[in-house]
């Protein structure tokens, strides 16, 4: 259940960040409103996930997957430029998230 909460929180944060881009500097009403709705939802769910996770671990997952997610969304949906260095950097973030998961598993045994 804790992983589901964390995943939903991350997805809500990604939706909020995407809506922020779509709001065009908060000049479009509905994307602007949804930005704050999704961010509030994401942070609230993250708060509940923190009851089951260590802060340092959960926040690293939250931030790492958030950065990776918005990078992919930017490239795919907003046609943001990318190059090999950007792709390698995203893969390094993924490796860091995987390493954190492995370290959490081995330390809890």
Protein backbone atom coordinates (compact mmCIF):
# COMPACT_ATOMS: atom_id res chain seq x y z
CA UNK A 1 0.00 0.00 0.00
CA UNK A 2 2.85 2.42 0.79
CA UNK A 3 4.25 2.02 -2.73
CA UNK A 4 0.83 2.69 -4.24
CA UNK A 5 0.51 5.88 -2.20
CA UNK A 6 3.96 7.02 -3.25
CA UNK A 7 3.23 6.23 -6.92
CA UNK A 8 -0.09 8.10 -6.87
CA UNK A 9 1.59 11.06 -5.20
CA UNK A 10 4.30 11.15 -7.86
CA UNK A 11 1.74 10.89 -10.66
CA UNK A 12 -0.29 13.74 -9.15
CA UNK A 13 2.86 15.87 -8.91
CA UNK A 14 3.68 15.11 -12.56
CA UNK A 15 0.15 16.07 -13.58
CA UNK A 16 0.49 19.31 -11.62
CA UNK A 17 3.78 20.15 -13.29
CA UNK A 18 2.32 19.34 -16.72
CA UNK A 19 -0.68 21.57 -16.02
CA UNK A 20 1.70 24.34 -14.96
CA UNK A 21 3.37 24.16 -18.38
CA UNK A 22 -0.05 24.14 -20.04
CA UNK A 23 -1.19 27.16 -17.99
CA UNK A 24 1.23 29.35 -19.98
CA UNK A 25 2.40 31.33 -16.97
CA UNK A 26 -0.95 31.03 -15.18
CA UNK A 27 -2.71 32.87 -18.00
CA UNK A 28 -5.06 29.95 -18.77
CA UNK A 29 -7.66 29.36 -16.07
CA UNK A 30 -8.27 25.60 -16.02
CA UNK A 31 -4.67 24.42 -16.30
CA UNK A 32 -3.78 26.97 -13.59
CA UNK A 33 -6.46 25.60 -11.26
CA UNK A 34 -5.48 21.98 -11.98
CA UNK A 35 -1.84 22.82 -11.24
CA UNK A 36 -2.70 23.59 -7.62
CA UNK A 37 -5.27 20.80 -7.32
CA UNK A 38 -2.81 18.14 -8.48
CA UNK A 39 0.06 19.54 -6.41
CA UNK A 40 -2.11 19.65 -3.28
CA UNK A 41 -3.30 16.11 -3.94
CA UNK A 42 0.25 14.89 -4.61
CA UNK A 43 1.71 16.46 -1.48
CA UNK A 44 -1.17 15.20 0.66
CA UNK A 45 -0.73 11.65 -0.58
CA UNK A 46 3.04 11.95 -0.15
CA UNK A 47 2.45 12.99 3.46
CA UNK A 48 0.52 9.77 4.07
CA UNK A 49 3.21 7.71 2.33
CA UNK A 50 5.78 9.22 4.71
CA UNK A 51 4.08 7.41 7.58
CA UNK A 52 5.53 4.19 6.12
CA UNK A 53 8.80 5.39 4.52
CA UNK A 54 11.91 7.11 5.81
CA UNK A 55 11.88 10.72 4.64
CA UNK A 56 15.29 10.56 2.95
CA UNK A 57 14.34 7.45 1.01
CA UNK A 58 10.84 8.57 -0.02
CA UNK A 59 11.92 12.05 -1.04
CA UNK A 60 14.76 10.72 -3.16
CA UNK A 61 12.31 8.43 -4.97
CA UNK A 62 9.80 11.29 -5.29
CA UNK A 63 12.38 13.72 -6.68
CA UNK A 64 14.18 11.23 -8.91
CA UNK A 65 11.07 9.85 -10.55
CA UNK A 66 9.60 13.34 -10.73
CA UNK A 67 12.63 14.66 -12.62
CA UNK A 68 12.65 11.64 -14.89
CA UNK A 69 8.89 11.91 -15.50
CA UNK A 70 8.83 15.61 -16.34
CA UNK A 71 11.82 15.15 -18.63
CA UNK A 72 10.04 12.44 -20.59
CA UNK A 73 6.76 14.42 -20.64
CA UNK A 74 8.63 17.48 -21.89
CA UNK A 75 10.31 15.55 -24.68
CA UNK A 76 7.26 13.53 -25.76
CA UNK A 77 4.36 15.96 -25.32
CA UNK A 78 5.95 19.41 -25.51
CA UNK A 79 8.59 18.53 -28.13
CA UNK A 80 11.42 19.83 -25.93
CA UNK A 81 14.87 19.28 -27.39
CA UNK A 82 16.95 16.36 -26.20
CA UNK A 83 20.40 14.98 -26.83
CA UNK A 84 22.54 12.09 -25.70
CA UNK A 85 23.64 13.91 -22.53
CA UNK A 86 20.03 14.47 -21.47
CA UNK A 87 19.19 10.81 -22.08
CA UNK A 88 22.28 9.62 -20.16
CA UNK A 89 21.42 11.97 -17.29
CA UNK A 90 17.89 10.57 -17.10
CA UNK A 91 19.31 7.03 -17.06
CA UNK A 92 21.67 8.02 -14.22
CA UNK A 93 18.64 9.21 -12.23
CA UNK A 94 16.91 5.88 -12.90
CA UNK A 95 20.05 4.04 -11.74
CA UNK A 96 20.06 6.13 -8.56
CA UNK A 97 16.43 5.31 -7.83
CA UNK A 98 17.10 1.61 -8.39
CA UNK A 99 20.17 1.79 -6.13
CA UNK A 100 18.09 3.42 -3.40
CA UNK A 101 15.54 0.64 -3.63
CA UNK A 102 18.25 -2.00 -3.41
CA UNK A 103 19.87 -0.28 -0.44
CA UNK A 104 16.53 -0.07 1.35
CA UNK A 105 15.88 -3.77 0.81
CA UNK A 106 19.34 -4.86 1.97
CA UNK A 107 19.28 -2.61 5.06
CA UNK A 108 15.87 -3.90 6.18
CA UNK A 109 16.86 -7.56 6.12
